């Protein structure tokens, strides 16, 4: 599963919108949509950290290096 697919799964499982997630990680809902469609990847580590924190998962999980 690619990063964007995991992100969409986590977001939908938590029941939040792209806008709500974007506000937390400091990007627009459009950028979240690009992430989820695997057209873009977060430009900096801080964004990855915020995503991992929001969903209580590891960065390794988001990157596909772990199943936990």
C-alpha atoms as a PDB file:
ATOM      1  CA  UNK A   1       0.000   0.000   0.000  1.00  0.00           C
ATOM      2  CA  UNK A   2       1.403   3.400  -0.975  1.00  0.00           C
ATOM      3  CA  UNK A   3       1.661   6.402   1.343  1.00  0.00           C
ATOM      4  CA  UNK A   4      -1.417   8.097  -0.097  1.00  0.00           C
ATOM      5  CA  UNK A   5      -3.503   4.954   0.202  1.00  0.00           C
ATOM      6  CA  UNK A   6      -2.543   4.598   3.864  1.00  0.00           C
ATOM      7  CA  UNK A   7      -3.291   8.245   4.507  1.00  0.00           C
ATOM      8  CA  UNK A   8      -6.757   7.997   2.970  1.00  0.00           C
ATOM      9  CA  UNK A   9      -7.486   4.794   4.901  1.00  0.00           C
ATOM     10  CA  UNK A  10      -6.412   6.346   8.215  1.00  0.00           C
ATOM     11  CA  UNK A  11      -8.361   9.538   7.564  1.00  0.00           C
ATOM     12  CA  UNK A  12     -11.554   7.736   6.622  1.00  0.00           C
ATOM     13  CA  UNK A  13     -11.196   5.319   9.534  1.00  0.00           C
ATOM     14  CA  UNK A  14     -10.959   8.273  11.910  1.00  0.00           C
ATOM     15  CA  UNK A  15     -13.919   9.968  10.203  1.00  0.00           C
ATOM     16  CA  UNK A  16     -12.269  13.298   9.442  1.00  0.00           C
ATOM     17  CA  UNK A  17     -12.353  15.389   6.292  1.00  0.00           C
ATOM     18  CA  UNK A  18      -9.394  16.374   4.176  1.00  0.00           C
ATOM     19  CA  UNK A  19      -9.918  19.924   5.417  1.00  0.00           C
ATOM     20  CA  UNK A  20      -9.782  18.890   9.086  1.00  0.00           C
ATOM     21  CA  UNK A  21      -6.606  16.900   8.518  1.00  0.00           C
ATOM     22  CA  UNK A  22      -5.075  19.722   6.503  1.00  0.00           C
ATOM     23  CA  UNK A  23      -5.717  22.207   9.297  1.00  0.00           C
ATOM     24  CA  UNK A  24      -3.900  19.975  11.770  1.00  0.00           C
ATOM     25  CA  UNK A  25      -0.875  19.339   9.554  1.00  0.00           C
ATOM     26  CA  UNK A  26      -0.796  22.919   8.186  1.00  0.00           C
ATOM     27  CA  UNK A  27      -1.549  22.231   4.523  1.00  0.00           C
ATOM     28  CA  UNK A  28      -4.642  22.847   2.394  1.00  0.00           C
ATOM     29  CA  UNK A  29      -7.301  20.228   1.817  1.00  0.00           C
ATOM     30  CA  UNK A  30      -6.217  20.234  -1.825  1.00  0.00           C
ATOM     31  CA  UNK A  31      -2.697  19.172  -0.814  1.00  0.00           C
ATOM     32  CA  UNK A  32      -4.155  16.373   1.341  1.00  0.00           C
ATOM     33  CA  UNK A  33      -6.032  15.250  -1.775  1.00  0.00           C
ATOM     34  CA  UNK A  34      -2.771  15.229  -3.742  1.00  0.00           C
ATOM     35  CA  UNK A  35      -1.151  13.148  -1.020  1.00  0.00           C
ATOM     36  CA  UNK A  36      -4.044  10.681  -1.029  1.00  0.00           C
ATOM     37  CA  UNK A  37      -3.959  10.297  -4.802  1.00  0.00           C
ATOM     38  CA  UNK A  38      -0.212   9.641  -4.616  1.00  0.00           C
ATOM     39  CA  UNK A  39       0.522  12.700  -6.761  1.00  0.00           C
ATOM     40  CA  UNK A  40       2.575  14.402  -4.051  1.00  0.00           C
ATOM     41  CA  UNK A  41       4.529  13.482  -0.965  1.00  0.00           C
ATOM     42  CA  UNK A  42       5.102  15.708   2.099  1.00  0.00           C
ATOM     43  CA  UNK A  43       8.031  18.031   1.471  1.00  0.00           C
ATOM     44  CA  UNK A  44       9.379  18.040   4.988  1.00  0.00           C
ATOM     45  CA  UNK A  45       9.793  15.783   7.967  1.00  0.00           C
ATOM     46  CA  UNK A  46       7.649  18.009  10.187  1.00  0.00           C
ATOM     47  CA  UNK A  47       4.568  17.303   8.069  1.00  0.00           C
ATOM     48  CA  UNK A  48       5.202  13.564   8.301  1.00  0.00           C
ATOM     49  CA  UNK A  49       5.572  13.882  12.081  1.00  0.00           C
ATOM     50  CA  UNK A  50       2.257  15.730  12.336  1.00  0.00           C
ATOM     51  CA  UNK A  51       0.476  13.091  10.254  1.00  0.00           C
ATOM     52  CA  UNK A  52       1.937  10.276  12.369  1.00  0.00           C
ATOM     53  CA  UNK A  53       0.982  12.111  15.562  1.00  0.00           C
ATOM     54  CA  UNK A  54      -2.558  12.784  14.365  1.00  0.00           C
ATOM     55  CA  UNK A  55      -3.192   9.126  13.602  1.00  0.00           C
ATOM     56  CA  UNK A  56      -1.023   7.727  16.400  1.00  0.00           C
ATOM     57  CA  UNK A  57       1.123   5.682  14.000  1.00  0.00           C
ATOM     58  CA  UNK A  58       4.839   5.624  13.290  1.00  0.00           C
ATOM     59  CA  UNK A  59       6.497   7.397  10.396  1.00  0.00           C
ATOM     60  CA  UNK A  60       7.856   3.984   9.406  1.00  0.00           C
ATOM     61  CA  UNK A  61       4.271   2.749   9.060  1.00  0.00           C
ATOM     62  CA  UNK A  62       3.384   5.695   6.820  1.00  0.00           C
ATOM     63  CA  UNK A  63       6.434   5.026   4.660  1.00  0.00           C
ATOM     64  CA  UNK A  64       5.733   1.302   4.389  1.00  0.00           C
ATOM     65  CA  UNK A  65       8.719   0.207   6.465  1.00  0.00           C
ATOM     66  CA  UNK A  66       6.558  -1.315   9.206  1.00  0.00           C
ATOM     67  CA  UNK A  67       3.109  -2.807   9.635  1.00  0.00           C
ATOM     68  CA  UNK A  68       2.683  -1.332  13.135  1.00  0.00           C
END
